[in-house]
Amino acid sequence: MPLRTGAITSLIGVLREQTESFPIALLPLCLLTGAGCGLVFWVGRRRARTGVADSATSVARA
């Protein structure tokens, strides 16, 4: 995971130097964050459909 963090930091630096705009340089990070949020919701929805959430709550109550 640290390799990916370093890569996005370098990408932000390169984009900032080329565009001379920090907000534009942050756009790739915003897109990755949005994709991560979307995946969290997608996985949660899939688990709700398969009943994994129901079985986990019944075990926790026991």
Protein backbone atom coordinates (compact mmCIF):
# COMPACT_ATOMS: atom_id res chain seq x y z
CA MET A 1 0.00 0.00 0.00
CA PRO A 2 2.78 2.56 0.65
CA LEU A 3 3.86 2.25 -2.98
CA ARG A 4 0.45 3.45 -4.16
CA THR A 5 0.47 6.33 -1.70
CA GLY A 6 3.85 7.44 -2.98
CA ALA A 7 2.68 7.17 -6.58
CA ILE A 8 -0.36 9.40 -6.05
CA THR A 9 1.77 11.93 -4.14
CA SER A 10 4.23 12.05 -7.02
CA LEU A 11 1.39 12.37 -9.51
CA ILE A 12 -0.04 15.32 -7.58
CA GLY A 13 3.38 17.00 -7.61
CA VAL A 14 3.86 16.47 -11.34
CA LEU A 15 0.36 17.72 -12.17
CA ARG A 16 0.79 20.77 -9.96
CA GLU A 17 4.04 21.68 -11.70
CA GLN A 18 2.55 21.23 -15.17
CA THR A 19 -0.79 22.96 -14.54
CA GLU A 20 0.35 25.42 -11.84
CA SER A 21 -2.94 24.70 -10.10
CA PHE A 22 -3.20 22.72 -6.88
CA PRO A 23 -6.98 22.08 -7.14
CA ILE A 24 -6.55 20.53 -10.59
CA ALA A 25 -3.67 18.42 -9.28
CA LEU A 26 -5.97 17.02 -6.56
CA LEU A 27 -8.56 15.74 -9.04
CA PRO A 28 -7.00 12.24 -9.38
CA LEU A 29 -7.08 11.87 -5.59
CA CYS A 30 -10.72 12.96 -5.54
CA LEU A 31 -11.56 10.41 -8.23
CA LEU A 32 -9.81 7.61 -6.31
CA THR A 33 -11.64 8.60 -3.13
CA GLY A 34 -14.97 8.60 -4.98
CA ALA A 35 -14.22 5.18 -6.46
CA GLY A 36 -13.39 3.86 -3.00
CA CYS A 37 -16.66 5.17 -1.58
CA GLY A 38 -18.57 3.60 -4.44
CA LEU A 39 -16.90 0.24 -3.79
CA VAL A 40 -17.79 0.39 -0.09
CA PHE A 41 -21.45 0.97 -0.91
CA TRP A 42 -21.39 -1.74 -3.60
CA VAL A 43 -19.88 -4.34 -1.25
CA GLY A 44 -22.36 -3.39 1.48
CA ARG A 45 -25.24 -3.81 -0.90
CA ARG A 46 -24.01 -7.20 -2.07
CA ARG A 47 -23.65 -8.40 1.51
CA ALA A 48 -27.15 -7.23 2.34
CA ARG A 49 -28.54 -9.22 -0.59
CA THR A 50 -26.74 -12.44 0.31
CA GLY A 51 -27.82 -12.33 3.93
CA VAL A 52 -24.35 -12.06 5.41
CA ALA A 53 -25.43 -9.05 7.46
CA ASP A 54 -28.44 -10.96 8.87
CA SER A 55 -26.36 -13.93 9.96
CA ALA A 56 -23.74 -11.67 11.57
CA THR A 57 -26.34 -9.85 13.66
CA SER A 58 -27.95 -13.09 14.79
CA VAL A 59 -24.56 -14.40 15.95
CA ALA A 60 -23.83 -11.14 17.77
CA ARG A 61 -27.16 -11.30 19.65
CA ALA A 62 -26.60 -14.89 20.82
